[in-house]
N, C-alpha and C. Protein backbone atom coordinates (compact mmCIF):
# COMPACT_ATOMS: atom_id res chain seq x y z
N MET A 1 93.93 109.45 87.89
CA MET A 1 93.06 110.53 87.46
C MET A 1 93.36 111.76 88.33
N ILE A 2 93.42 112.91 87.71
CA ILE A 2 93.65 114.16 88.42
C ILE A 2 92.37 114.57 89.14
N VAL A 3 92.51 114.87 90.42
CA VAL A 3 91.38 115.33 91.23
C VAL A 3 91.42 116.85 91.33
N CYS A 4 92.60 117.38 91.64
CA CYS A 4 92.75 118.82 91.85
C CYS A 4 93.77 119.36 90.85
N VAL A 5 93.30 120.12 89.89
CA VAL A 5 94.18 120.68 88.87
C VAL A 5 95.07 121.76 89.47
N CYS A 6 94.51 122.58 90.36
CA CYS A 6 95.28 123.68 90.95
C CYS A 6 96.53 123.19 91.69
N ASN A 7 96.41 122.05 92.37
CA ASN A 7 97.53 121.50 93.14
C ASN A 7 98.15 120.28 92.48
N ALA A 8 97.67 119.90 91.32
CA ALA A 8 98.15 118.73 90.59
C ALA A 8 98.12 117.47 91.46
N LEU A 9 96.98 117.25 92.12
CA LEU A 9 96.81 116.08 92.97
C LEU A 9 96.01 115.01 92.25
N GLY A 10 96.54 113.80 92.31
CA GLY A 10 95.85 112.68 91.71
C GLY A 10 94.99 111.94 92.72
N GLU A 11 94.13 111.09 92.21
CA GLU A 11 93.22 110.31 93.05
C GLU A 11 93.98 109.44 94.04
N ARG A 12 95.06 108.83 93.60
CA ARG A 12 95.86 107.98 94.49
C ARG A 12 96.45 108.77 95.65
N GLN A 13 96.93 109.97 95.37
CA GLN A 13 97.51 110.81 96.42
C GLN A 13 96.46 111.19 97.46
N VAL A 14 95.29 111.59 97.01
CA VAL A 14 94.22 112.00 97.92
C VAL A 14 93.76 110.81 98.75
N ARG A 15 93.62 109.65 98.11
CA ARG A 15 93.21 108.44 98.84
C ARG A 15 94.25 108.05 99.89
N ALA A 16 95.52 108.10 99.54
CA ALA A 16 96.58 107.75 100.48
C ALA A 16 96.62 108.73 101.65
N ALA A 17 96.43 110.01 101.37
CA ALA A 17 96.42 111.01 102.44
C ALA A 17 95.24 110.80 103.36
N ALA A 18 94.11 110.42 102.81
CA ALA A 18 92.92 110.17 103.63
C ALA A 18 93.13 108.98 104.56
N ARG A 19 93.83 107.99 104.07
CA ARG A 19 94.09 106.78 104.87
C ARG A 19 95.19 106.98 105.90
N SER A 20 96.08 107.93 105.68
CA SER A 20 97.27 108.07 106.52
C SER A 20 97.04 108.74 107.86
N GLY A 21 96.01 109.50 108.00
CA GLY A 21 95.83 110.25 109.24
C GLY A 21 94.61 109.81 110.02
N THR A 22 94.19 110.66 110.92
CA THR A 22 93.00 110.42 111.71
C THR A 22 91.80 110.33 110.76
N PRO A 23 90.95 109.33 110.93
CA PRO A 23 89.80 109.19 110.04
C PRO A 23 88.90 110.43 110.06
N THR A 24 88.70 110.99 108.89
CA THR A 24 87.83 112.15 108.73
C THR A 24 87.30 112.17 107.31
N ALA A 25 86.13 112.70 107.12
CA ALA A 25 85.55 112.79 105.78
C ALA A 25 85.79 114.16 105.17
N CYS A 26 86.82 114.83 105.65
CA CYS A 26 87.11 116.19 105.20
C CYS A 26 88.26 116.19 104.19
N PRO A 27 88.00 116.55 102.95
CA PRO A 27 89.08 116.58 101.97
C PRO A 27 90.12 117.64 102.29
N ILE A 28 89.74 118.69 102.98
CA ILE A 28 90.70 119.75 103.32
C ILE A 28 91.80 119.19 104.23
N ALA A 29 91.43 118.30 105.15
CA ALA A 29 92.43 117.66 106.02
C ALA A 29 93.37 116.78 105.20
N ALA A 30 92.83 116.07 104.23
CA ALA A 30 93.67 115.24 103.36
C ALA A 30 94.62 116.11 102.55
N TYR A 31 94.14 117.24 102.06
CA TYR A 31 95.01 118.15 101.31
C TYR A 31 96.12 118.68 102.22
N ALA A 32 95.78 119.01 103.45
CA ALA A 32 96.78 119.52 104.39
C ALA A 32 97.88 118.50 104.62
N ARG A 33 97.52 117.23 104.68
CA ARG A 33 98.54 116.17 104.83
C ARG A 33 99.48 116.12 103.65
N LEU A 34 99.01 116.61 102.51
CA LEU A 34 99.84 116.65 101.31
C LEU A 34 100.57 117.98 101.16
N GLY A 35 100.39 118.85 102.14
CA GLY A 35 101.10 120.12 102.14
C GLY A 35 100.48 121.19 101.26
N CYS A 36 99.19 121.09 101.03
CA CYS A 36 98.53 122.12 100.21
C CYS A 36 97.10 122.34 100.71
N LYS A 37 96.39 123.25 100.03
CA LYS A 37 95.00 123.50 100.37
C LYS A 37 94.24 123.77 99.09
N PRO A 38 92.93 123.55 99.09
CA PRO A 38 92.15 123.81 97.88
C PRO A 38 92.22 125.28 97.50
N ARG A 39 92.28 125.54 96.23
CA ARG A 39 92.36 126.93 95.76
C ARG A 39 91.03 127.38 95.17
N CYS A 40 90.62 126.82 94.06
CA CYS A 40 89.39 127.27 93.42
C CYS A 40 88.16 126.56 93.99
N GLY A 41 88.34 125.36 94.55
CA GLY A 41 87.24 124.63 95.18
C GLY A 41 86.46 123.71 94.26
N GLN A 42 86.74 123.70 92.98
CA GLN A 42 86.01 122.86 92.04
C GLN A 42 86.19 121.37 92.32
N CYS A 43 87.27 120.99 92.97
CA CYS A 43 87.60 119.60 93.21
C CYS A 43 86.97 119.04 94.49
N LEU A 44 86.47 119.88 95.35
CA LEU A 44 86.08 119.44 96.69
C LEU A 44 85.00 118.38 96.71
N SER A 45 84.01 118.45 95.84
CA SER A 45 82.95 117.44 95.86
C SER A 45 83.51 116.07 95.46
N HIS A 46 84.35 116.02 94.45
CA HIS A 46 84.94 114.75 94.03
C HIS A 46 85.95 114.26 95.08
N ALA A 47 86.74 115.16 95.62
CA ALA A 47 87.70 114.79 96.66
C ALA A 47 86.98 114.26 97.91
N ARG A 48 85.85 114.83 98.24
CA ARG A 48 85.07 114.38 99.40
C ARG A 48 84.61 112.93 99.20
N GLU A 49 84.18 112.59 98.00
CA GLU A 49 83.77 111.22 97.68
C GLU A 49 84.94 110.25 97.84
N ILE A 50 86.11 110.65 97.37
CA ILE A 50 87.30 109.79 97.48
C ILE A 50 87.68 109.58 98.94
N VAL A 51 87.66 110.65 99.71
CA VAL A 51 88.04 110.57 101.13
C VAL A 51 87.05 109.70 101.89
N ARG A 52 85.76 109.84 101.62
CA ARG A 52 84.75 109.02 102.30
C ARG A 52 84.91 107.54 101.95
N ALA A 53 85.23 107.26 100.70
CA ALA A 53 85.40 105.87 100.28
C ALA A 53 86.66 105.25 100.89
N ALA A 54 87.66 106.07 101.15
CA ALA A 54 88.91 105.56 101.71
C ALA A 54 88.71 105.26 103.17
């Protein structure tokens, strides 16, 4: 499932990025690990849920 349309990030990518680094509930840190940053911000609430669950 697509989480971030602006960056074309899927749920699996965000979950893997959240697991790969220092534990944090910040989706912006997970995006940074993927080499991007949120643009419009519409995805942040859903991305935050994914990162917390990971």
